[in-house]
Amino acid sequence: MSTNPNTDDFFATVATKSDSGALRGDYSHADANYVVAQNWDSYTPEQHARWRRLYERQAKLIPGRACDVFIDSLKALDVSQGIPRFDRTTEALYKATGWQLVAVPGLVPDQTFFEHLANRRFPVTVWLREEREFDYIVEPDVFHDFFGHVPLLFNPIFADHLQEYGKGGLKALKLDGLAYLARLYWYTIEFGLIQSEQGLRIYGAGILSSGGEVEYCLSSDQPRRIPFQVERIMRTQYKIDSYQETYFVIRDFEQLFNDTEPDFTPFYERLKTQEALPADTLLAGETNLPPNR
């Protein structure tokens, strides 16, 4: 059984995260930090084959669409042939940026998530989607977490940004600012775009692990693509059940780090007095960047 005394409290809030009122993972052996053993030997040949197919699909989509540092790091990881061993990746990752991977059953409480990030630990879900979920999953699985997130942790600037985000999350919990910080995470770490000399590129994990949004976010005329601005993002709602109606574009990872470094307390206070903006909003005077052609 779990040694975590807060598990019952966490599951009491699960209805806000899952329509079924339950989470996919097995939390019975999670420790106080919601960490479990990966149990790599328990993955079946069918699961490794499904990983290979998922990897192959995304590997064909990302050239010319993902940012260069993601592509280079993914190649160096060499995890195309099956579900990776977290301990082996951690060895290389720790040497590169001081980060570690920790195995978790699935979604974890906000405070636990932020504590992991603040201590340069990235939680990676251990279960893999079923065949019927090949194109769409309700909760993040090992493919989303590893393929989408881990490569960029080898970039020192992005790795430092994610740690600062974790520290900011712990502070936001005390300032009633979590909803605003969640929007920032969504529009950057999960669905962010970055400028390059060759045009717009993707760095958001939610897009990079998606079969359809990789093309849509860069080439479709439908979504808005707005230059990055922290407080604007924190005010903007987002969609969890469709492609994004708006993407925010950073110039480089230095901008992402520098613009999110200041204390967010004044932002939270101002935002509490303003109405949230619908996901498809374009404010007067804002630039709507054109798609790649």
Protein backbone atom coordinates (compact mmCIF):
# COMPACT_ATOMS: atom_id res chain seq x y z
CA MET A 1 0.00 0.00 0.00
CA SER A 2 0.96 3.62 -0.42
CA THR A 3 2.99 5.25 2.34
CA ASN A 4 1.63 8.65 1.36
CA PRO A 5 -0.82 10.06 3.93
CA ASN A 6 -2.07 12.66 1.45
CA THR A 7 -3.19 10.22 -1.25
CA ASP A 8 -6.81 10.24 -0.10
CA ASP A 9 -6.88 14.04 -0.20
CA PHE A 10 -5.46 14.00 -3.71
CA PHE A 11 -8.05 11.56 -5.00
CA ALA A 12 -10.79 13.69 -3.46
CA THR A 13 -9.85 16.35 -6.04
CA VAL A 14 -9.50 13.98 -8.99
CA ALA A 15 -12.95 14.82 -10.35
CA THR A 16 -11.57 18.20 -11.39
CA LYS A 17 -8.92 16.51 -13.51
CA SER A 18 -10.75 13.48 -14.90
CA ASP A 19 -14.30 13.15 -16.23
CA SER A 20 -14.47 9.59 -14.92
CA GLY A 21 -13.50 10.65 -11.42
CA ALA A 22 -10.45 8.37 -11.51
CA LEU A 23 -6.89 8.44 -12.71
CA ARG A 24 -5.25 5.83 -14.92
CA GLY A 25 -2.15 5.06 -12.88
CA ASP A 26 -1.57 2.60 -10.05
CA TYR A 27 -0.90 4.75 -6.98
CA SER A 28 -0.85 1.88 -4.48
CA HIS A 29 2.96 1.79 -4.25
CA ALA A 30 3.69 5.51 -4.50
CA ASP A 31 5.88 6.99 -1.80
CA ALA A 32 5.39 10.34 -0.06
CA ASN A 33 6.58 12.15 -3.20
CA TYR A 34 4.36 10.04 -5.46
CA VAL A 35 7.44 8.30 -6.84
CA VAL A 36 7.23 4.66 -7.91
CA ALA A 37 9.61 2.14 -9.46
CA GLN A 38 9.57 2.16 -13.25
CA ASN A 39 9.62 -1.66 -13.41
CA TRP A 40 10.98 -1.58 -16.96
CA ASP A 41 10.99 -5.38 -17.21
CA SER A 42 7.19 -5.41 -16.85
CA TYR A 43 6.62 -3.67 -20.21
CA THR A 44 5.35 -6.15 -22.80
CA PRO A 45 6.67 -6.68 -26.34
CA GLU A 46 3.40 -5.18 -27.57
CA GLN A 47 3.99 -2.02 -25.54
CA HIS A 48 7.52 -1.64 -26.86
CA ALA A 49 6.17 -2.11 -30.39
CA ARG A 50 3.54 0.57 -29.77
CA TRP A 51 6.25 2.95 -28.51
CA ARG A 52 8.24 2.31 -31.70
CA ARG A 53 5.20 3.16 -33.84
CA LEU A 54 4.50 6.32 -31.85
CA TYR A 55 8.14 7.33 -32.11
CA GLU A 56 8.28 6.61 -35.82
CA ARG A 57 5.18 8.71 -36.48
CA GLN A 58 6.52 11.72 -34.60
CA ALA A 59 10.05 11.34 -35.97
CA LYS A 60 8.67 11.75 -39.48
CA LEU A 61 6.71 14.88 -38.50
CA ILE A 62 9.23 16.93 -36.54
CA PRO A 63 12.04 17.66 -39.07
CA GLY A 64 11.65 21.27 -40.15
CA ARG A 65 8.97 21.78 -37.50
CA ALA A 66 10.57 21.15 -34.09
CA CYS A 67 13.30 23.45 -32.80
CA ASP A 68 16.83 22.28 -33.52
CA VAL A 69 17.81 21.68 -29.90
CA PHE A 70 14.88 19.29 -29.47
CA ILE A 71 15.77 17.31 -32.59
CA ASP A 72 19.45 17.12 -31.68
CA SER A 73 18.75 16.01 -28.11
CA LEU A 74 16.20 13.43 -29.22
CA LYS A 75 18.70 11.87 -31.60
CA ALA A 76 21.32 11.74 -28.87
CA LEU A 77 18.88 9.95 -26.53
CA ASP A 78 18.55 7.06 -28.99
CA VAL A 79 15.22 5.76 -27.66
CA SER A 80 13.52 4.82 -30.92
CA GLN A 81 13.42 1.08 -30.32
CA GLY A 82 11.37 0.80 -27.15
CA ILE A 83 10.25 2.41 -23.90
CA PRO A 84 13.41 3.94 -22.40
CA ARG A 85 14.92 3.12 -19.03
CA PHE A 86 14.63 6.22 -16.87
CA ASP A 87 17.82 5.44 -14.90
CA ARG A 88 19.95 5.38 -18.05
CA THR A 89 18.54 8.69 -19.26
CA THR A 90 19.02 10.23 -15.83
CA GLU A 91 22.72 9.38 -15.91
CA ALA A 92 23.21 11.38 -19.12
CA LEU A 93 20.78 14.13 -18.12
CA TYR A 94 22.39 14.72 -14.75
CA LYS A 95 25.78 15.16 -16.41
CA ALA A 96 24.31 17.64 -18.87
CA THR A 97 22.10 19.86 -16.69
CA GLY A 98 21.85 18.35 -13.21
CA TRP A 99 18.31 17.05 -13.73
CA GLN A 100 16.92 13.63 -12.85
CA LEU A 101 13.86 11.71 -14.01
CA VAL A 102 11.51 10.26 -11.39
CA ALA A 103 8.87 7.67 -12.21
CA VAL A 104 5.31 8.53 -11.16
CA PRO A 105 1.98 6.70 -11.57
CA GLY A 106 0.42 9.57 -13.52
CA LEU A 107 -0.86 13.00 -12.52
CA VAL A 108 0.37 14.15 -9.12
CA PRO A 109 -0.77 16.95 -6.77
CA ASP A 110 0.27 20.46 -7.77
CA GLN A 111 2.53 20.97 -4.75
CA THR A 112 4.30 17.65 -5.37
CA PHE A 113 4.79 18.51 -9.04
CA PHE A 114 6.27 21.92 -8.21
CA GLU A 115 8.52 20.45 -5.53
CA HIS A 116 9.95 17.99 -8.03
CA LEU A 117 10.65 20.72 -10.58
CA ALA A 118 12.12 23.07 -8.00
CA ASN A 119 14.60 20.33 -7.10
CA ARG A 120 15.45 19.52 -10.74
CA ARG A 121 13.44 16.31 -10.81
CA PHE A 122 11.13 15.74 -13.75
CA PRO A 123 8.16 13.39 -13.14
CA VAL A 124 7.59 10.89 -15.96
CA THR A 125 4.48 8.70 -16.05
CA VAL A 126 5.22 4.97 -16.20
CA TRP A 127 2.19 3.67 -18.13
CA LEU A 128 1.82 3.69 -21.92
CA ARG A 129 -1.42 4.43 -23.76
CA GLU A 130 -3.53 1.57 -25.08
CA GLU A 131 -3.88 0.88 -28.79
CA ARG A 132 -7.32 2.54 -28.88
CA GLU A 133 -5.67 5.70 -27.50
CA PHE A 134 -2.93 5.81 -30.12
CA ASP A 135 -4.06 9.20 -31.46
CA TYR A 136 -5.54 10.74 -28.32
CA ILE A 137 -5.10 10.31 -24.56
CA VAL A 138 -6.95 12.09 -21.78
CA GLU A 139 -3.97 11.98 -19.38
CA PRO A 140 -0.27 12.27 -20.18
CA ASP A 141 1.45 8.89 -20.58
CA VAL A 142 5.10 7.86 -20.76
CA PHE A 143 5.33 8.73 -24.44
CA HIS A 144 4.06 12.28 -23.95
CA ASP A 145 6.18 12.88 -20.86
CA PHE A 146 9.40 11.40 -22.20
CA PHE A 147 9.30 12.16 -25.92
CA GLY A 148 7.74 15.59 -25.49
CA HIS A 149 9.54 16.93 -22.42
CA VAL A 150 12.82 15.18 -21.75
CA PRO A 151 14.90 16.25 -24.80
CA LEU A 152 14.68 19.95 -23.92
CA LEU A 153 15.89 19.26 -20.38
CA PHE A 154 19.33 18.81 -21.97
CA ASN A 155 19.29 22.53 -22.84
CA PRO A 156 20.78 24.44 -19.88
CA ILE A 157 18.65 27.56 -20.31
CA PHE A 158 15.38 25.66 -20.65
CA ALA A 159 16.37 23.39 -17.75
CA ASP A 160 16.99 26.42 -15.52
CA HIS A 161 13.66 27.94 -16.60
CA LEU A 162 11.75 24.81 -15.62
CA GLN A 163 13.35 24.76 -12.19
CA GLU A 164 12.39 28.40 -11.67
CA TYR A 165 8.87 27.56 -12.79
CA GLY A 166 8.72 24.94 -10.05
CA LYS A 167 9.84 27.46 -7.45
CA GLY A 168 7.27 29.92 -8.78
CA GLY A 169 4.57 27.29 -8.53
CA LEU A 170 5.22 26.74 -4.84
CA LYS A 171 4.92 30.49 -4.31
CA ALA A 172 1.77 30.73 -6.44
CA LEU A 173 0.04 28.18 -4.21
CA LYS A 174 0.37 30.64 -1.33
CA LEU A 175 -0.75 33.65 -3.40
CA ASP A 176 -3.86 32.18 -5.05
CA GLY A 177 -2.05 32.48 -8.38
CA LEU A 178 -2.09 28.88 -9.56
CA ALA A 179 -4.64 29.39 -12.35
CA TYR A 180 -2.47 32.11 -13.90
CA LEU A 181 0.70 30.06 -13.64
CA ALA A 182 -1.07 27.06 -15.16
CA ARG A 183 -1.85 29.14 -18.24
CA LEU A 184 1.80 30.10 -18.56
CA TYR A 185 2.84 26.45 -18.40
CA TRP A 186 0.21 25.47 -20.95
CA TYR A 187 1.15 28.11 -23.50
CA THR A 188 4.91 27.64 -23.13
CA ILE A 189 6.14 24.28 -21.88
CA GLU A 190 3.20 22.38 -23.40
CA PHE A 191 2.20 24.43 -26.48
CA GLY A 192 4.93 26.97 -27.09
CA LEU A 193 6.38 28.09 -30.43
CA ILE A 194 9.80 29.67 -31.00
CA GLN A 195 11.19 31.86 -33.76
CA SER A 196 14.09 30.62 -35.87
CA GLU A 197 15.91 31.91 -38.92
CA GLN A 198 13.98 29.35 -40.95
CA GLY A 199 10.56 30.31 -39.55
CA LEU A 200 8.41 29.24 -36.62
CA ARG A 201 9.40 26.07 -34.80
CA ILE A 202 7.86 24.03 -31.97
CA TYR A 203 9.23 23.52 -28.47
CA GLY A 204 5.99 22.68 -26.59
CA ALA A 205 5.73 19.04 -25.51
CA GLY A 206 1.98 18.83 -26.07
CA ILE A 207 2.50 19.59 -29.75
CA LEU A 208 5.67 17.57 -30.23
CA SER A 209 3.97 14.39 -29.00
CA SER A 210 0.80 15.00 -31.04
CA GLY A 211 0.05 13.35 -34.36
CA GLY A 212 -1.91 16.24 -35.86
CA GLU A 213 -1.09 19.50 -34.11
CA VAL A 214 2.54 19.48 -35.29
CA GLU A 215 1.41 20.51 -38.78
CA TYR A 216 -1.61 22.56 -37.73
CA CYS A 217 0.18 24.92 -35.33
CA LEU A 218 2.70 26.06 -37.95
CA SER A 219 0.78 25.96 -41.22
CA SER A 220 -2.93 26.51 -40.58
CA ASP A 221 -4.51 29.93 -41.12
CA GLN A 222 -6.96 29.35 -38.26
CA PRO A 223 -5.01 29.86 -35.01
CA ARG A 224 -3.49 33.12 -33.82
CA ARG A 225 0.26 33.30 -33.23
CA ILE A 226 1.09 36.14 -30.85
CA PRO A 227 4.52 37.31 -29.63
CA PHE A 228 5.26 36.16 -26.10
CA GLN A 229 4.11 38.39 -23.25
CA VAL A 230 3.86 36.91 -19.77
CA GLU A 231 0.92 38.82 -18.30
CA ARG A 232 -1.08 38.46 -21.52
CA ILE A 233 -0.61 34.70 -21.38
CA MET A 234 -1.61 34.52 -17.73
CA ARG A 235 -4.87 36.21 -18.61
CA THR A 236 -5.70 33.86 -21.50
CA GLN A 237 -7.87 30.78 -21.19
CA TYR A 238 -6.99 27.60 -23.10
CA LYS A 239 -8.66 24.55 -24.62
CA ILE A 240 -7.85 21.02 -23.46
CA ASP A 241 -10.06 19.11 -25.92
CA SER A 242 -9.08 20.64 -29.28
CA TYR A 243 -6.16 22.14 -31.11
CA GLN A 244 -5.16 25.50 -29.66
CA GLU A 245 -6.82 28.66 -30.93
CA THR A 246 -3.81 30.76 -29.96
CA TYR A 247 -0.08 30.06 -29.73
CA PHE A 248 2.47 32.37 -28.12
CA VAL A 249 5.87 32.74 -29.75
CA ILE A 250 9.18 33.33 -27.98
CA ARG A 251 12.24 34.79 -29.74
CA ASP A 252 14.57 32.33 -28.00
CA PHE A 253 14.92 30.45 -24.73
CA GLU A 254 16.77 33.39 -23.21
CA GLN A 255 13.59 35.45 -23.56
CA LEU A 256 11.55 32.70 -21.92
CA PHE A 257 13.96 32.59 -18.97
CA ASN A 258 14.45 36.35 -18.60
CA ASP A 259 10.79 37.35 -19.00
CA THR A 260 9.61 34.81 -16.42
CA GLU A 261 12.35 35.63 -13.89
CA PRO A 262 10.65 38.62 -12.14
CA ASP A 263 8.37 38.20 -9.13
CA PHE A 264 4.85 37.39 -10.37
CA THR A 265 3.08 38.77 -7.27
CA PRO A 266 2.15 42.11 -8.93
CA PHE A 267 0.88 40.20 -11.99
CA TYR A 268 -1.42 38.08 -9.84
CA GLU A 269 -2.83 41.13 -8.10
CA ARG A 270 -3.59 42.90 -11.38
CA LEU A 271 -5.03 39.79 -13.00
CA LYS A 272 -7.46 39.26 -10.14
CA THR A 273 -9.14 42.52 -11.13
CA GLN A 274 -9.47 41.61 -14.84
CA GLU A 275 -11.68 39.22 -16.72
CA ALA A 276 -9.99 36.26 -18.36
CA LEU A 277 -9.60 36.45 -22.14
CA PRO A 278 -11.17 33.76 -24.37
CA ALA A 279 -8.63 31.49 -26.05
CA ASP A 280 -9.13 33.04 -29.50
CA THR A 281 -8.67 36.68 -28.43
CA LEU A 282 -6.58 39.12 -30.47
CA LEU A 283 -6.27 42.45 -28.67
CA ALA A 284 -6.05 45.79 -30.44
CA GLY A 285 -2.50 46.47 -31.55
CA GLU A 286 -1.33 42.87 -31.18
CA THR A 287 0.62 41.19 -33.94
CA ASN A 288 -0.78 38.00 -35.41
CA LEU A 289 2.23 36.26 -36.92
CA PRO A 290 1.66 34.51 -40.26
CA PRO A 291 1.92 30.72 -40.60
CA ASN A 292 4.93 29.07 -42.18
CA ARG A 293 4.66 28.67 -45.93
